[in-house]
Amino acid sequence: MNKAAVTSTLSALAQMAVLVGLLVWTIDNGASAMGYQWQWQRVTDYLAYFEEGQWWAAELLLGLEVTLQLAGLSLVGTLLLGTATALLKRSDSIIGRGLANLYVELIRNTPLLVQIYLLYFVFGPIIGLDRFSTAVLALSLFQGAYSAEVIRAGLNSIASGQWEAATSLGLSRWHSYRYVILPQLLQRILPPLTNEAVSLIKNSSIVSVMAIFDLTTEARNIVADTAMPFEIWFTAAAIYLLLTLSLAALAALLERRIGAPWRGH
């Protein structure tokens, strides 16, 4: 890392430290004006506790586990739906393009909360889905509609010469995607797909309306029992922030690794 990069990093960290300091000062002064008594020492009891010679996850970490399961399964569904929809929108089938456009427009122009209620109270019972499965389906459908446009745009950005070159080499359509198109596509769509994954994690908090005991639901229950809204909600927000920042860092690492072979040519 050169001197300019080090200076830039240190400057960014210093600015972040100043912003965090101002935020903490503002919140502390506001709480003092309200006569609020901080109880940060109690927060650890809702993260983990020691019993019978070992540590056990408490409510917030158990809720985080549910959130990770929900987000992970929904991300798989999002990528499958997004890819299928993008391919349908590029297909020669009028019916396929029509269904794909209807799905995207319907999902993107209605609120996620309304979709969750419809799936939970109407369609879920009809097809026999439990709460968790309904939540996974709702998030997959919602985020898949946005991811489809990202994937379609990535496919459209690949020059037609790449397809022609793959065909001239005698590659089948599957092998053309696997060895020629997919590496370039991943490099181009990884940043916007990371944004979709971050949105998915944040949107997962909305499924708490279905009484799924995710991180948001557990935090709300703790606040109701303890009257510690600031400490618990700030802790929950910090956990969500840690998740999204970790995901963004992982995506940046993957982007560099995927792009390295192409930069070398």
C-alpha atoms as a PDB file:
ATOM      1  CA  MET A   1       0.000   0.000   0.000  1.00  0.00           C
ATOM      2  CA  ASN A   2       1.515   3.329  -1.046  1.00  0.00           C
ATOM      3  CA  LYS A   3       1.737   6.478   1.043  1.00  0.00           C
ATOM      4  CA  ALA A   4      -1.242   8.148  -0.662  1.00  0.00           C
ATOM      5  CA  ALA A   5      -3.466   5.131   0.033  1.00  0.00           C
ATOM      6  CA  VAL A   6      -2.389   5.042   3.691  1.00  0.00           C
ATOM      7  CA  THR A   7      -3.079   8.772   4.057  1.00  0.00           C
ATOM      8  CA  SER A   8      -6.494   8.395   2.433  1.00  0.00           C
ATOM      9  CA  THR A   9      -7.387   5.469   4.720  1.00  0.00           C
ATOM     10  CA  LEU A  10      -6.294   7.297   7.853  1.00  0.00           C
ATOM     11  CA  SER A  11      -8.242  10.387   6.775  1.00  0.00           C
ATOM     12  CA  ALA A  12     -11.381   8.324   6.220  1.00  0.00           C
ATOM     13  CA  LEU A  13     -10.992   6.647   9.629  1.00  0.00           C
ATOM     14  CA  ALA A  14     -10.473  10.017  11.313  1.00  0.00           C
ATOM     15  CA  GLN A  15     -13.602  11.442   9.682  1.00  0.00           C
ATOM     16  CA  MET A  16     -15.590   8.385  10.731  1.00  0.00           C
ATOM     17  CA  ALA A  17     -14.317   8.702  14.304  1.00  0.00           C
ATOM     18  CA  VAL A  18     -15.392  12.355  14.402  1.00  0.00           C
ATOM     19  CA  LEU A  19     -18.844  11.518  13.061  1.00  0.00           C
ATOM     20  CA  VAL A  20     -19.280   8.677  15.571  1.00  0.00           C
ATOM     21  CA  GLY A  21     -18.134  10.972  18.371  1.00  0.00           C
ATOM     22  CA  LEU A  22     -20.640  13.661  17.380  1.00  0.00           C
ATOM     23  CA  LEU A  23     -23.417  11.090  17.146  1.00  0.00           C
ATOM     24  CA  VAL A  24     -22.631   9.658  20.591  1.00  0.00           C
ATOM     25  CA  TRP A  25     -22.437  13.153  22.091  1.00  0.00           C
ATOM     26  CA  THR A  26     -25.798  14.150  20.555  1.00  0.00           C
ATOM     27  CA  ILE A  27     -27.555  10.995  21.725  1.00  0.00           C
ATOM     28  CA  ASP A  28     -26.097  11.206  25.228  1.00  0.00           C
ATOM     29  CA  ASN A  29     -27.149  14.832  25.612  1.00  0.00           C
ATOM     30  CA  GLY A  30     -30.630  14.043  24.328  1.00  0.00           C
ATOM     31  CA  ALA A  31     -30.989  11.139  26.749  1.00  0.00           C
ATOM     32  CA  SER A  32     -29.765  13.287  29.629  1.00  0.00           C
ATOM     33  CA  ALA A  33     -32.339  15.957  28.789  1.00  0.00           C
ATOM     34  CA  MET A  34     -35.035  13.248  28.966  1.00  0.00           C
ATOM     35  CA  GLY A  35     -33.718  11.969  32.274  1.00  0.00           C
ATOM     36  CA  TYR A  36     -32.916   8.604  30.699  1.00  0.00           C
ATOM     37  CA  GLN A  37     -30.585   6.295  32.638  1.00  0.00           C
ATOM     38  CA  TRP A  38     -28.302   4.218  30.453  1.00  0.00           C
ATOM     39  CA  GLN A  39     -28.085   0.494  31.266  1.00  0.00           C
ATOM     40  CA  TRP A  40     -25.499  -0.753  28.806  1.00  0.00           C
ATOM     41  CA  GLN A  41     -24.178  -3.257  31.360  1.00  0.00           C
ATOM     42  CA  ARG A  42     -27.392  -5.268  30.960  1.00  0.00           C
ATOM     43  CA  VAL A  43     -27.161  -5.623  27.185  1.00  0.00           C
ATOM     44  CA  THR A  44     -24.635  -8.479  27.354  1.00  0.00           C
ATOM     45  CA  ASP A  45     -27.243 -10.592  29.188  1.00  0.00           C
ATOM     46  CA  TYR A  46     -29.312 -10.573  25.993  1.00  0.00           C
ATOM     47  CA  LEU A  47     -26.375 -11.523  23.782  1.00  0.00           C
ATOM     48  CA  ALA A  48     -24.981 -14.512  25.676  1.00  0.00           C
ATOM     49  CA  TYR A  49     -24.945 -15.945  29.184  1.00  0.00           C
ATOM     50  CA  PHE A  50     -22.781 -18.421  31.117  1.00  0.00           C
ATOM     51  CA  GLU A  51     -24.508 -21.424  32.616  1.00  0.00           C
ATOM     52  CA  GLU A  52     -23.524 -24.989  33.549  1.00  0.00           C
ATOM     53  CA  GLY A  53     -19.918 -24.354  32.648  1.00  0.00           C
ATOM     54  CA  GLN A  54     -20.476 -23.039  29.118  1.00  0.00           C
ATOM     55  CA  TRP A  55     -21.688 -20.036  27.166  1.00  0.00           C
ATOM     56  CA  TRP A  56     -25.172 -20.025  25.638  1.00  0.00           C
ATOM     57  CA  ALA A  57     -26.597 -17.706  23.030  1.00  0.00           C
ATOM     58  CA  ALA A  58     -29.240 -15.347  24.410  1.00  0.00           C
ATOM     59  CA  GLU A  59     -32.203 -13.732  22.662  1.00  0.00           C
ATOM     60  CA  LEU A  60     -30.365 -11.334  20.351  1.00  0.00           C
ATOM     61  CA  LEU A  61     -27.918 -13.939  19.061  1.00  0.00           C
ATOM     62  CA  LEU A  62     -30.727 -16.469  18.629  1.00  0.00           C
ATOM     63  CA  GLY A  63     -32.622 -13.845  16.656  1.00  0.00           C
ATOM     64  CA  LEU A  64     -29.491 -13.165  14.601  1.00  0.00           C
ATOM     65  CA  GLU A  65     -29.292 -16.880  13.751  1.00  0.00           C
ATOM     66  CA  VAL A  66     -32.860 -16.802  12.430  1.00  0.00           C
ATOM     67  CA  THR A  67     -32.105 -13.631  10.446  1.00  0.00           C
ATOM     68  CA  LEU A  68     -29.040 -15.268   8.848  1.00  0.00           C
ATOM     69  CA  GLN A  69     -31.027 -18.379   7.937  1.00  0.00           C
ATOM     70  CA  LEU A  70     -33.802 -16.258   6.496  1.00  0.00           C
ATOM     71  CA  ALA A  71     -31.432 -14.015   4.530  1.00  0.00           C
ATOM     72  CA  GLY A  72     -29.332 -16.922   3.252  1.00  0.00           C
ATOM     73  CA  LEU A  73     -32.266 -18.942   1.923  1.00  0.00           C
ATOM     74  CA  SER A  74     -33.906 -15.820   0.499  1.00  0.00           C
ATOM     75  CA  LEU A  75     -30.681 -14.868  -1.272  1.00  0.00           C
ATOM     76  CA  VAL A  76     -30.615 -18.259  -3.016  1.00  0.00           C
ATOM     77  CA  GLY A  77     -34.250 -17.796  -4.034  1.00  0.00           C
ATOM     78  CA  THR A  78     -33.520 -14.242  -5.163  1.00  0.00           C
ATOM     79  CA  LEU A  79     -30.677 -15.326  -7.449  1.00  0.00           C
ATOM     80  CA  LEU A  80     -32.709 -18.194  -8.927  1.00  0.00           C
ATOM     81  CA  LEU A  81     -35.770 -16.025  -9.567  1.00  0.00           C
ATOM     82  CA  GLY A  82     -33.693 -13.098 -10.798  1.00  0.00           C
ATOM     83  CA  THR A  83     -31.710 -15.237 -13.234  1.00  0.00           C
ATOM     84  CA  ALA A  84     -34.789 -17.049 -14.552  1.00  0.00           C
ATOM     85  CA  THR A  85     -36.659 -13.776 -15.012  1.00  0.00           C
ATOM     86  CA  ALA A  86     -33.723 -12.098 -16.759  1.00  0.00           C
ATOM     87  CA  LEU A  87     -33.392 -15.013 -19.184  1.00  0.00           C
ATOM     88  CA  LEU A  88     -37.143 -14.981 -19.861  1.00  0.00           C
ATOM     89  CA  LYS A  89     -37.029 -11.258 -20.620  1.00  0.00           C
ATOM     90  CA  ARG A  90     -34.281 -11.952 -23.180  1.00  0.00           C
ATOM     91  CA  SER A  91     -36.013 -14.979 -24.692  1.00  0.00           C
ATOM     92  CA  ASP A  92     -37.841 -15.168 -28.009  1.00  0.00           C
ATOM     93  CA  SER A  93     -41.043 -16.320 -26.316  1.00  0.00           C
ATOM     94  CA  ILE A  94     -43.733 -13.650 -26.175  1.00  0.00           C
ATOM     95  CA  ILE A  95     -45.446 -15.480 -23.321  1.00  0.00           C
ATOM     96  CA  GLY A  96     -42.194 -15.790 -21.397  1.00  0.00           C
ATOM     97  CA  ARG A  97     -41.373 -12.115 -21.807  1.00  0.00           C
ATOM     98  CA  GLY A  98     -44.923 -11.173 -20.862  1.00  0.00           C
ATOM     99  CA  LEU A  99     -44.864 -13.261 -17.662  1.00  0.00           C
ATOM    100  CA  ALA A 100     -41.452 -11.886 -16.706  1.00  0.00           C
ATOM    101  CA  ASN A 101     -42.535  -8.277 -17.271  1.00  0.00           C
ATOM    102  CA  LEU A 102     -45.777  -8.844 -15.346  1.00  0.00           C
ATOM    103  CA  TYR A 103     -43.882 -10.314 -12.397  1.00  0.00           C
ATOM    104  CA  VAL A 104     -41.327  -7.497 -12.285  1.00  0.00           C
ATOM    105  CA  GLU A 105     -43.881  -4.698 -12.623  1.00  0.00           C
ATOM    106  CA  LEU A 106     -46.294  -6.248 -10.117  1.00  0.00           C
ATOM    107  CA  ILE A 107     -43.666  -6.810  -7.446  1.00  0.00           C
ATOM    108  CA  ARG A 108     -41.771  -3.553  -7.906  1.00  0.00           C
ATOM    109  CA  ASN A 109     -44.918  -1.417  -7.781  1.00  0.00           C
ATOM    110  CA  THR A 110     -46.483  -2.852  -4.630  1.00  0.00           C
ATOM    111  CA  PRO A 111     -45.172  -2.529  -1.047  1.00  0.00           C
ATOM    112  CA  LEU A 112     -43.294  -5.460   0.460  1.00  0.00           C
ATOM    113  CA  LEU A 113     -45.467  -5.352   3.565  1.00  0.00           C
ATOM    114  CA  VAL A 114     -48.626  -5.803   1.476  1.00  0.00           C
ATOM    115  CA  GLN A 115     -47.009  -8.728  -0.347  1.00  0.00           C
ATOM    116  CA  ILE A 116     -46.101 -10.344   2.974  1.00  0.00           C
ATOM    117  CA  TYR A 117     -49.662 -10.009   4.259  1.00  0.00           C
ATOM    118  CA  LEU A 118     -51.103 -11.468   1.042  1.00  0.00           C
ATOM    119  CA  LEU A 119     -48.749 -14.425   1.130  1.00  0.00           C
ATOM    120  CA  TYR A 120     -49.163 -15.010   4.854  1.00  0.00           C
ATOM    121  CA  PHE A 121     -52.927 -14.699   5.146  1.00  0.00           C
ATOM    122  CA  VAL A 122     -54.109 -15.723   1.659  1.00  0.00           C
ATOM    123  CA  PHE A 123     -51.701 -17.726  -0.494  1.00  0.00           C
ATOM    124  CA  GLY A 124     -49.598 -19.312   2.272  1.00  0.00           C
ATOM    125  CA  PRO A 125     -52.464 -21.272   3.861  1.00  0.00           C
ATOM    126  CA  ILE A 126     -53.718 -22.346   0.412  1.00  0.00           C
ATOM    127  CA  ILE A 127     -50.400 -23.921  -0.606  1.00  0.00           C
ATOM    128  CA  GLY A 128     -49.545 -25.077   2.918  1.00  0.00           C
ATOM    129  CA  LEU A 129     -46.554 -22.874   3.764  1.00  0.00           C
ATOM    130  CA  ASP A 130     -45.479 -22.208   7.337  1.00  0.00           C
ATOM    131  CA  ARG A 131     -44.385 -18.780   8.573  1.00  0.00           C
ATOM    132  CA  PHE A 132     -40.717 -19.189   7.831  1.00  0.00           C
ATOM    133  CA  SER A 133     -41.261 -20.565   4.335  1.00  0.00           C
ATOM    134  CA  THR A 134     -43.717 -17.768   3.602  1.00  0.00           C
ATOM    135  CA  ALA A 135     -41.155 -15.188   4.710  1.00  0.00           C
ATOM    136  CA  VAL A 136     -38.470 -16.743   2.494  1.00  0.00           C
ATOM    137  CA  LEU A 137     -40.847 -16.769  -0.471  1.00  0.00           C
ATOM    138  CA  ALA A 138     -41.923 -13.151   0.096  1.00  0.00           C
ATOM    139  CA  LEU A 139     -38.357 -11.859   0.316  1.00  0.00           C
ATOM    140  CA  SER A 140     -37.233 -13.955  -2.656  1.00  0.00           C
ATOM    141  CA  LEU A 141     -40.084 -12.701  -4.829  1.00  0.00           C
ATOM    142  CA  PHE A 142     -39.533  -9.085  -3.831  1.00  0.00           C
ATOM    143  CA  GLN A 143     -35.759  -8.972  -4.185  1.00  0.00           C
ATOM    144  CA  GLY A 144     -35.782 -11.263  -7.217  1.00  0.00           C
ATOM    145  CA  ALA A 145     -37.719  -8.674  -9.211  1.00  0.00           C
ATOM    146  CA  TYR A 146     -34.985  -6.106  -8.611  1.00  0.00           C
ATOM    147  CA  SER A 147     -32.137  -8.561  -9.147  1.00  0.00           C
ATOM    148  CA  ALA A 148     -33.657  -9.615 -12.483  1.00  0.00           C
ATOM    149  CA  GLU A 149     -33.081  -6.137 -13.891  1.00  0.00           C
ATOM    150  CA  VAL A 150     -29.501  -6.136 -12.619  1.00  0.00           C
ATOM    151  CA  ILE A 151     -28.765  -9.495 -14.259  1.00  0.00           C
ATOM    152  CA  ARG A 152     -30.548  -8.541 -17.483  1.00  0.00           C
ATOM    153  CA  ALA A 153     -28.575  -5.297 -17.707  1.00  0.00           C
ATOM    154  CA  GLY A 154     -25.354  -7.233 -17.133  1.00  0.00           C
ATOM    155  CA  LEU A 155     -26.190  -9.679 -19.918  1.00  0.00           C
ATOM    156  CA  ASN A 156     -27.077  -6.826 -22.269  1.00  0.00           C
ATOM    157  CA  SER A 157     -23.752  -5.117 -21.560  1.00  0.00           C
ATOM    158  CA  ILE A 158     -21.732  -8.065 -22.858  1.00  0.00           C
ATOM    159  CA  ALA A 159     -20.720  -7.463 -26.459  1.00  0.00           C
ATOM    160  CA  SER A 160     -22.335  -9.659 -29.090  1.00  0.00           C
ATOM    161  CA  GLY A 161     -18.845 -10.557 -30.281  1.00  0.00           C
ATOM    162  CA  GLN A 162     -18.340 -12.600 -27.105  1.00  0.00           C
ATOM    163  CA  TRP A 163     -21.328 -14.790 -27.988  1.00  0.00           C
ATOM    164  CA  GLU A 164     -20.144 -15.088 -31.583  1.00  0.00           C
ATOM    165  CA  ALA A 165     -16.634 -16.047 -30.478  1.00  0.00           C
ATOM    166  CA  ALA A 166     -18.015 -18.763 -28.180  1.00  0.00           C
ATOM    167  CA  THR A 167     -20.172 -20.118 -31.011  1.00  0.00           C
ATOM    168  CA  SER A 168     -17.267 -20.106 -33.449  1.00  0.00           C
ATOM    169  CA  LEU A 169     -15.260 -22.202 -30.989  1.00  0.00           C
ATOM    170  CA  GLY A 170     -18.004 -24.815 -31.081  1.00  0.00           C
ATOM    171  CA  LEU A 171     -19.157 -24.245 -27.515  1.00  0.00           C
ATOM    172  CA  SER A 172     -22.697 -25.216 -26.616  1.00  0.00           C
ATOM    173  CA  ARG A 173     -24.988 -22.584 -25.132  1.00  0.00           C
ATOM    174  CA  TRP A 174     -24.389 -23.967 -21.631  1.00  0.00           C
ATOM    175  CA  HIS A 175     -20.597 -23.948 -22.047  1.00  0.00           C
ATOM    176  CA  SER A 176     -20.766 -20.469 -23.583  1.00  0.00           C
ATOM    177  CA  TYR A 177     -22.460 -19.230 -20.423  1.00  0.00           C
ATOM    178  CA  ARG A 178     -20.153 -21.228 -18.154  1.00  0.00           C
ATOM    179  CA  TYR A 179     -16.758 -20.328 -19.616  1.00  0.00           C
ATOM    180  CA  VAL A 180     -17.279 -17.066 -21.535  1.00  0.00           C
ATOM    181  CA  ILE A 181     -20.324 -15.132 -20.361  1.00  0.00           C
ATOM    182  CA  LEU A 182     -20.617 -15.946 -16.649  1.00  0.00           C
ATOM    183  CA  PRO A 183     -17.118 -14.770 -15.578  1.00  0.00           C
ATOM    184  CA  GLN A 184     -17.670 -11.422 -17.299  1.00  0.00           C
ATOM    185  CA  LEU A 185     -21.222 -11.173 -16.007  1.00  0.00           C
ATOM    186  CA  LEU A 186     -20.200 -11.753 -12.377  1.00  0.00           C
ATOM    187  CA  GLN A 187     -17.541  -9.081 -12.578  1.00  0.00           C
ATOM    188  CA  ARG A 188     -20.071  -6.551 -13.883  1.00  0.00           C
ATOM    189  CA  ILE A 189     -23.072  -7.299 -11.681  1.00  0.00           C
ATOM    190  CA  LEU A 190     -21.368  -8.119  -8.373  1.00  0.00           C
ATOM    191  CA  PRO A 191     -21.457  -4.530  -7.010  1.00  0.00           C
ATOM    192  CA  PRO A 192     -25.185  -3.958  -7.734  1.00  0.00           C
ATOM    193  CA  LEU A 193     -26.014  -7.482  -6.576  1.00  0.00           C
ATOM    194  CA  THR A 194     -24.234  -6.707  -3.312  1.00  0.00           C
ATOM    195  CA  ASN A 195     -26.593  -3.758  -2.871  1.00  0.00           C
ATOM    196  CA  GLU A 196     -29.519  -6.118  -3.438  1.00  0.00           C
ATOM    197  CA  ALA A 197     -28.147  -8.535  -0.829  1.00  0.00           C
ATOM    198  CA  VAL A 198     -27.755  -5.681   1.670  1.00  0.00           C
ATOM    199  CA  SER A 199     -31.335  -4.601   0.962  1.00  0.00           C
ATOM    200  CA  LEU A 200     -32.434  -8.186   1.511  1.00  0.00           C
ATOM    201  CA  ILE A 201     -30.857  -8.278   4.962  1.00  0.00           C
ATOM    202  CA  LYS A 202     -32.501  -4.990   5.918  1.00  0.00           C
ATOM    203  CA  ASN A 203     -35.872  -6.004   4.455  1.00  0.00           C
ATOM    204  CA  SER A 204     -35.772  -9.244   6.434  1.00  0.00           C
ATOM    205  CA  SER A 205     -36.640  -7.186   9.517  1.00  0.00           C
ATOM    206  CA  ILE A 206     -40.111  -6.572   8.060  1.00  0.00           C
ATOM    207  CA  VAL A 207     -41.062 -10.247   8.426  1.00  0.00           C
ATOM    208  CA  SER A 208     -41.247  -9.649  12.169  1.00  0.00           C
ATOM    209  CA  VAL A 209     -44.919  -8.781  11.499  1.00  0.00           C
ATOM    210  CA  MET A 210     -45.408 -12.529  10.960  1.00  0.00           C
ATOM    211  CA  ALA A 211     -44.194 -13.315  14.501  1.00  0.00           C
ATOM    212  CA  ILE A 212     -40.972 -14.846  13.217  1.00  0.00           C
ATOM    213  CA  PHE A 213     -38.403 -14.603  15.986  1.00  0.00           C
ATOM    214  CA  ASP A 214     -35.689 -12.865  14.025  1.00  0.00           C
ATOM    215  CA  LEU A 215     -33.352 -10.200  15.367  1.00  0.00           C
ATOM    216  CA  THR A 216     -35.942  -7.406  15.096  1.00  0.00           C
ATOM    217  CA  THR A 217     -38.668  -9.413  16.841  1.00  0.00           C
ATOM    218  CA  GLU A 218     -36.354 -10.444  19.651  1.00  0.00           C
ATOM    219  CA  ALA A 219     -35.220  -6.840  20.114  1.00  0.00           C
ATOM    220  CA  ARG A 220     -38.809  -5.626  20.256  1.00  0.00           C
ATOM    221  CA  ASN A 221     -39.709  -8.257  22.847  1.00  0.00           C
ATOM    222  CA  ILE A 222     -36.702  -7.350  25.005  1.00  0.00           C
ATOM    223  CA  VAL A 223     -37.602  -3.653  24.863  1.00  0.00           C
ATOM    224  CA  ALA A 224     -41.149  -4.468  25.975  1.00  0.00           C
ATOM    225  CA  ASP A 225     -39.837  -6.471  28.933  1.00  0.00           C
ATOM    226  CA  THR A 226     -36.974  -4.219  30.041  1.00  0.00           C
ATOM    227  CA  ALA A 227     -37.848  -0.650  28.997  1.00  0.00           C
ATOM    228  CA  MET A 228     -34.361  -0.236  27.499  1.00  0.00           C
ATOM    229  CA  PRO A 229     -35.269   0.998  24.014  1.00  0.00           C
ATOM    230  CA  PHE A 230     -32.072   2.924  23.263  1.00  0.00           C
ATOM    231  CA  GLU A 231     -29.601   0.236  24.323  1.00  0.00           C
ATOM    232  CA  ILE A 232     -31.394  -2.658  22.652  1.00  0.00           C
ATOM    233  CA  TRP A 233     -32.245  -0.913  19.388  1.00  0.00           C
ATOM    234  CA  PHE A 234     -28.748   0.546  19.057  1.00  0.00           C
ATOM    235  CA  THR A 235     -27.315  -2.929  19.641  1.00  0.00           C
ATOM    236  CA  ALA A 236     -29.639  -4.437  17.024  1.00  0.00           C
ATOM    237  CA  ALA A 237     -28.734  -1.669  14.575  1.00  0.00           C
ATOM    238  CA  ALA A 238     -25.020  -2.309  15.203  1.00  0.00           C
ATOM    239  CA  ILE A 239     -25.499  -6.030  14.477  1.00  0.00           C
ATOM    240  CA  TYR A 240     -27.300  -5.251  11.208  1.00  0.00           C
ATOM    241  CA  LEU A 241     -24.545  -2.779  10.303  1.00  0.00           C
ATOM    242  CA  LEU A 242     -21.869  -5.374  11.023  1.00  0.00           C
ATOM    243  CA  LEU A 243     -23.691  -7.858   8.768  1.00  0.00           C
ATOM    244  CA  THR A 244     -24.009  -5.467   5.838  1.00  0.00           C
ATOM    245  CA  LEU A 245     -20.438  -4.158   6.116  1.00  0.00           C
ATOM    246  CA  SER A 246     -19.100  -7.721   6.249  1.00  0.00           C
ATOM    247  CA  LEU A 247     -21.125  -8.594   3.165  1.00  0.00           C
ATOM    248  CA  ALA A 248     -19.825  -5.535   1.313  1.00  0.00           C
ATOM    249  CA  ALA A 249     -16.219  -6.410   2.251  1.00  0.00           C
ATOM    250  CA  LEU A 250     -16.706  -9.996   1.059  1.00  0.00           C
ATOM    251  CA  ALA A 251     -18.190  -8.782  -2.222  1.00  0.00           C
ATOM    252  CA  ALA A 252     -15.237  -6.410  -2.742  1.00  0.00           C
ATOM    253  CA  LEU A 253     -12.808  -9.292  -2.168  1.00  0.00           C
ATOM    254  CA  LEU A 254     -14.681 -11.522  -4.624  1.00  0.00           C
ATOM    255  CA  GLU A 255     -14.789  -8.714  -7.183  1.00  0.00           C
ATOM    256  CA  ARG A 256     -11.008  -8.308  -7.035  1.00  0.00           C
ATOM    257  CA  ARG A 257     -10.450 -12.058  -7.360  1.00  0.00           C
ATOM    258  CA  ILE A 258     -12.873 -12.417 -10.242  1.00  0.00           C
ATOM    259  CA  GLY A 259     -11.444  -9.386 -12.006  1.00  0.00           C
ATOM    260  CA  ALA A 260      -7.794 -10.408 -11.553  1.00  0.00           C
ATOM    261  CA  PRO A 261      -7.654 -12.933 -14.452  1.00  0.00           C
ATOM    262  CA  TRP A 262      -9.329 -10.462 -16.811  1.00  0.00           C
ATOM    263  CA  ARG A 263      -7.011  -7.625 -15.817  1.00  0.00           C
ATOM    264  CA  GLY A 264      -4.058  -9.876 -16.500  1.00  0.00           C
ATOM    265  CA  HIS A 265      -4.990 -10.303 -20.179  1.00  0.00           C
END
